[in-house]
Amino acid sequence: MAHLVIWSPRAIDDVETIAGYIALDSESYAASVVRTILEKARRLSDFPSIGRVVPEFGDDAIREIFAYSYRIIYRVHAQEITIAAVIHGKRILEMAVNP
């Protein structure tokens, strides 16, 4: 059974910020990165457990997948996936993120 993938406002802002930053150097690369992030998130609908457990949280329901150097952090619910944040892998994950 496919899960519904829902984007949090924070995750949407994260992707827009990433795209804007990359676009300063290359609009085509920015579009490619965003497309990859969206495609990977879309796959979660059928494969919600594909990501690893986020080490900072240690909660089996909070997982992450990677697109380039970005961490797509999401929470698995019974019938939906919530994309909580998209952050650069070198950035420290704030414990305030509540996926």
N, C-alpha and C. Protein backbone atom coordinates (compact mmCIF):
# COMPACT_ATOMS: atom_id res chain seq x y z
N MET A 1 0.84 -1.18 0.00
CA MET A 1 0.00 0.00 0.00
C MET A 1 0.89 1.25 0.00
N ALA A 2 0.65 2.13 -0.93
CA ALA A 2 1.45 3.35 -1.05
C ALA A 2 1.11 4.35 0.04
N HIS A 3 2.14 4.99 0.54
CA HIS A 3 1.99 6.04 1.53
C HIS A 3 1.81 7.38 0.83
N LEU A 4 1.11 8.28 1.44
CA LEU A 4 0.98 9.64 0.96
C LEU A 4 2.21 10.41 1.43
N VAL A 5 2.89 11.11 0.51
CA VAL A 5 4.07 11.90 0.87
C VAL A 5 3.64 13.36 1.05
N ILE A 6 3.88 13.89 2.24
CA ILE A 6 3.50 15.26 2.58
C ILE A 6 4.77 16.04 2.90
N TRP A 7 4.86 17.25 2.35
CA TRP A 7 6.01 18.12 2.60
C TRP A 7 5.65 19.14 3.68
N SER A 8 6.49 19.23 4.70
CA SER A 8 6.29 20.26 5.72
C SER A 8 6.68 21.62 5.13
N PRO A 9 6.13 22.70 5.68
CA PRO A 9 6.53 24.04 5.20
C PRO A 9 8.04 24.25 5.31
N ARG A 10 8.65 23.74 6.37
CA ARG A 10 10.10 23.89 6.52
C ARG A 10 10.84 23.20 5.39
N ALA A 11 10.44 21.98 5.03
CA ALA A 11 11.11 21.24 3.96
C ALA A 11 10.97 21.96 2.63
N ILE A 12 9.81 22.53 2.37
CA ILE A 12 9.60 23.29 1.14
C ILE A 12 10.54 24.50 1.13
N ASP A 13 10.61 25.21 2.24
CA ASP A 13 11.53 26.35 2.34
C ASP A 13 12.97 25.91 2.14
N ASP A 14 13.33 24.77 2.72
CA ASP A 14 14.70 24.26 2.57
C ASP A 14 15.04 24.05 1.10
N VAL A 15 14.15 23.40 0.36
CA VAL A 15 14.40 23.13 -1.06
C VAL A 15 14.48 24.43 -1.86
N GLU A 16 13.61 25.37 -1.56
CA GLU A 16 13.65 26.66 -2.26
C GLU A 16 14.96 27.40 -1.98
N THR A 17 15.42 27.34 -0.73
CA THR A 17 16.68 27.98 -0.36
C THR A 17 17.86 27.31 -1.07
N ILE A 18 17.87 25.99 -1.09
CA ILE A 18 18.92 25.24 -1.78
C ILE A 18 18.95 25.63 -3.25
N ALA A 19 17.78 25.63 -3.88
CA ALA A 19 17.70 25.97 -5.31
C ALA A 19 18.21 27.39 -5.57
N GLY A 20 17.81 28.32 -4.73
CA GLY A 20 18.24 29.70 -4.90
C GLY A 20 19.74 29.86 -4.77
N TYR A 21 20.32 29.17 -3.81
CA TYR A 21 21.75 29.25 -3.59
C TYR A 21 22.53 28.66 -4.77
N ILE A 22 22.13 27.48 -5.21
CA ILE A 22 22.82 26.83 -6.33
C ILE A 22 22.63 27.63 -7.62
N ALA A 23 21.45 28.21 -7.80
CA ALA A 23 21.14 28.96 -9.01
C ALA A 23 22.03 30.19 -9.18
N LEU A 24 22.63 30.68 -8.10
CA LEU A 24 23.56 31.80 -8.21
C LEU A 24 24.72 31.45 -9.13
N ASP A 25 25.08 30.17 -9.16
CA ASP A 25 26.16 29.69 -10.03
C ASP A 25 25.64 29.02 -11.29
N SER A 26 24.55 28.25 -11.15
CA SER A 26 24.05 27.49 -12.30
C SER A 26 22.57 27.15 -12.12
N GLU A 27 21.75 27.77 -12.93
CA GLU A 27 20.31 27.48 -12.85
C GLU A 27 20.01 26.05 -13.28
N SER A 28 20.74 25.54 -14.26
CA SER A 28 20.47 24.17 -14.71
C SER A 28 20.86 23.15 -13.65
N TYR A 29 21.96 23.39 -12.94
CA TYR A 29 22.35 22.48 -11.87
C TYR A 29 21.36 22.56 -10.72
N ALA A 30 20.90 23.76 -10.41
CA ALA A 30 19.89 23.93 -9.36
C ALA A 30 18.64 23.12 -9.70
N ALA A 31 18.20 23.20 -10.95
CA ALA A 31 17.02 22.45 -11.37
C ALA A 31 17.26 20.94 -11.26
N SER A 32 18.47 20.51 -11.59
CA SER A 32 18.80 19.09 -11.50
C SER A 32 18.78 18.60 -10.05
N VAL A 33 19.33 19.39 -9.15
CA VAL A 33 19.35 19.01 -7.73
C VAL A 33 17.93 18.93 -7.19
N VAL A 34 17.11 19.93 -7.50
CA VAL A 34 15.72 19.93 -7.03
C VAL A 34 14.97 18.73 -7.60
N ARG A 35 15.17 18.46 -8.87
CA ARG A 35 14.49 17.32 -9.51
C ARG A 35 14.88 16.01 -8.81
N THR A 36 16.15 15.85 -8.49
CA THR A 36 16.61 14.64 -7.81
C THR A 36 16.02 14.53 -6.41
N ILE A 37 15.98 15.63 -5.68
CA ILE A 37 15.37 15.62 -4.34
C ILE A 37 13.91 15.19 -4.43
N LEU A 38 13.18 15.76 -5.38
CA LEU A 38 11.76 15.42 -5.53
C LEU A 38 11.56 13.97 -5.94
N GLU A 39 12.39 13.47 -6.85
CA GLU A 39 12.27 12.07 -7.29
C GLU A 39 12.54 11.10 -6.14
N LYS A 40 13.57 11.39 -5.36
CA LYS A 40 13.88 10.50 -4.23
C LYS A 40 12.77 10.53 -3.19
N ALA A 41 12.23 11.71 -2.93
CA ALA A 41 11.12 11.81 -1.97
C ALA A 41 9.88 11.08 -2.48
N ARG A 42 9.64 11.16 -3.77
CA ARG A 42 8.48 10.49 -4.38
C ARG A 42 8.57 8.97 -4.20
N ARG A 43 9.78 8.41 -4.26
CA ARG A 43 9.96 6.96 -4.11
C ARG A 43 9.58 6.46 -2.73
N LEU A 44 9.62 7.36 -1.76
CA LEU A 44 9.27 6.97 -0.39
C LEU A 44 7.84 6.47 -0.29
N SER A 45 6.99 6.89 -1.20
CA SER A 45 5.60 6.47 -1.19
C SER A 45 5.49 4.94 -1.21
N ASP A 46 6.32 4.31 -2.02
CA ASP A 46 6.29 2.85 -2.14
C ASP A 46 7.31 2.14 -1.25
N PHE A 47 8.35 2.86 -0.86
CA PHE A 47 9.43 2.25 -0.08
C PHE A 47 9.77 3.13 1.13
N PRO A 48 8.87 3.24 2.09
CA PRO A 48 9.08 4.16 3.22
C PRO A 48 10.26 3.82 4.12
N SER A 49 10.67 2.58 4.14
CA SER A 49 11.77 2.17 5.03
C SER A 49 13.12 2.14 4.33
N ILE A 50 13.18 2.68 3.13
CA ILE A 50 14.41 2.62 2.35
C ILE A 50 15.54 3.44 2.99
N GLY A 51 15.19 4.50 3.69
CA GLY A 51 16.20 5.34 4.31
C GLY A 51 16.72 4.76 5.61
N ARG A 52 17.86 5.29 6.03
CA ARG A 52 18.43 4.84 7.30
C ARG A 52 17.81 5.66 8.44
N VAL A 53 17.88 5.10 9.64
CA VAL A 53 17.44 5.82 10.83
C VAL A 53 18.39 7.00 11.04
N VAL A 54 17.84 8.17 11.32
CA VAL A 54 18.68 9.36 11.55
C VAL A 54 19.44 9.16 12.86
N PRO A 55 20.78 9.14 12.80
CA PRO A 55 21.57 8.85 14.00
C PRO A 55 21.32 9.83 15.15
N GLU A 56 21.07 11.09 14.84
CA GLU A 56 20.86 12.09 15.89
C GLU A 56 19.60 11.84 16.71
N PHE A 57 18.64 11.11 16.14
CA PHE A 57 17.38 10.88 16.84
C PHE A 57 17.25 9.45 17.38
N GLY A 58 17.79 8.48 16.65
CA GLY A 58 17.70 7.09 17.09
C GLY A 58 16.29 6.54 17.16
N ASP A 59 15.38 7.13 16.41
CA ASP A 59 13.97 6.72 16.37
C ASP A 59 13.72 6.03 15.03
N ASP A 60 13.23 4.80 15.07
CA ASP A 60 13.02 4.03 13.84
C ASP A 60 12.07 4.71 12.87
N ALA A 61 11.21 5.59 13.34
CA ALA A 61 10.24 6.27 12.47
C ALA A 61 10.84 7.50 11.80
N ILE A 62 11.98 7.97 12.28
CA ILE A 62 12.62 9.16 11.69
C ILE A 62 13.81 8.69 10.86
N ARG A 63 13.70 8.87 9.57
CA ARG A 63 14.68 8.32 8.64
C ARG A 63 15.21 9.39 7.69
N GLU A 64 16.22 9.01 6.92
CA GLU A 64 16.76 9.94 5.94
C GLU A 64 17.26 9.20 4.71
N ILE A 65 17.16 9.89 3.60
CA ILE A 65 17.77 9.44 2.36
C ILE A 65 18.62 10.61 1.87
N PHE A 66 19.49 10.34 0.93
CA PHE A 66 20.41 11.36 0.45
C PHE A 66 20.19 11.66 -1.02
N ALA A 67 20.32 12.93 -1.35
CA ALA A 67 20.31 13.40 -2.74
C ALA A 67 21.50 14.33 -2.86
N TYR A 68 22.48 13.91 -3.64
CA TYR A 68 23.75 14.64 -3.70
C TYR A 68 24.28 14.74 -2.28
N SER A 69 24.57 15.93 -1.79
CA SER A 69 25.08 16.07 -0.42
C SER A 69 24.00 16.53 0.55
N TYR A 70 22.74 16.34 0.18
CA TYR A 70 21.62 16.79 1.01
C TYR A 70 20.93 15.61 1.69
N ARG A 71 20.57 15.84 2.94
CA ARG A 71 19.84 14.84 3.73
C ARG A 71 18.35 15.18 3.65
N ILE A 72 17.56 14.24 3.18
CA ILE A 72 16.10 14.39 3.15
C ILE A 72 15.59 13.63 4.37
N ILE A 73 15.16 14.38 5.36
CA ILE A 73 14.76 13.79 6.64
C ILE A 73 13.24 13.68 6.67
N TYR A 74 12.76 12.50 7.02
CA TYR A 74 11.31 12.26 6.99
C TYR A 74 10.87 11.37 8.14
N ARG A 75 9.58 11.45 8.42
CA ARG A 75 8.98 10.61 9.46
C ARG A 75 7.97 9.68 8.80
N VAL A 76 8.03 8.42 9.19
CA VAL A 76 7.11 7.40 8.68
C VAL A 76 5.93 7.30 9.63
N HIS A 77 4.74 7.51 9.10
CA HIS A 77 3.49 7.32 9.85
C HIS A 77 2.79 6.09 9.26
N ALA A 78 1.69 5.70 9.82
CA ALA A 78 0.97 4.50 9.37
C ALA A 78 0.68 4.52 7.87
N GLN A 79 0.15 5.63 7.36
CA GLN A 79 -0.23 5.68 5.94
C GLN A 79 0.34 6.88 5.21
N GLU A 80 1.26 7.61 5.86
CA GLU A 80 1.85 8.76 5.19
C GLU A 80 3.30 8.95 5.61
N ILE A 81 3.99 9.70 4.79
CA ILE A 81 5.37 10.08 5.03
C ILE A 81 5.39 11.60 5.11
N THR A 82 6.02 12.15 6.13
CA THR A 82 6.16 13.60 6.23
C THR A 82 7.61 13.96 6.00
N ILE A 83 7.87 14.72 4.94
CA ILE A 83 9.22 15.23 4.70
C ILE A 83 9.39 16.41 5.66
N ALA A 84 10.31 16.28 6.60
CA ALA A 84 10.46 17.28 7.66
C ALA A 84 11.47 18.36 7.31
N ALA A 85 12.56 17.97 6.66
CA ALA A 85 13.63 18.93 6.37
C ALA A 85 14.53 18.38 5.27
N VAL A 86 15.20 19.29 4.59
CA VAL A 86 16.22 18.93 3.61
C VAL A 86 17.42 19.81 3.94
N ILE A 87 18.49 19.19 4.43
CA ILE A 87 19.63 19.98 4.86
C ILE A 87 20.92 19.46 4.23
N HIS A 88 21.91 20.33 4.13
CA HIS A 88 23.21 19.92 3.61
C HIS A 88 23.84 18.96 4.61
N GLY A 89 24.51 17.96 4.11
CA GLY A 89 25.10 16.94 4.96
C GLY A 89 26.14 17.45 5.93
N LYS A 90 26.78 18.59 5.63
CA LYS A 90 27.80 19.14 6.53
C LYS A 90 27.19 20.01 7.63
N ARG A 91 25.92 20.33 7.48
CA ARG A 91 25.26 21.17 8.47
C ARG A 91 24.86 20.31 9.67
N ILE A 92 24.96 20.87 10.84
CA ILE A 92 24.56 20.14 12.05
C ILE A 92 23.03 20.13 12.12
N LEU A 93 22.50 18.96 12.32
CA LEU A 93 21.05 18.81 12.43
C LEU A 93 20.61 19.34 13.77
N GLU A 94 19.79 20.36 13.75
CA GLU A 94 19.29 20.92 14.99
C GLU A 94 18.32 19.95 15.64
N MET A 95 18.44 19.80 16.91
CA MET A 95 17.53 18.91 17.62
C MET A 95 16.11 19.48 17.64
N ALA A 96 15.99 20.76 17.24
CA ALA A 96 14.67 21.38 17.19
C ALA A 96 13.84 20.86 16.04
N VAL A 97 14.49 20.18 15.07
CA VAL A 97 13.71 19.61 13.97
C VAL A 97 12.79 18.58 14.56
N ASN A 98 11.52 18.71 14.28
CA ASN A 98 10.54 17.78 14.80
C ASN A 98 9.86 17.11 13.63
N PRO A 99 10.54 16.08 13.03
CA PRO A 99 9.97 15.45 11.83
C PRO A 99 8.63 14.79 12.08
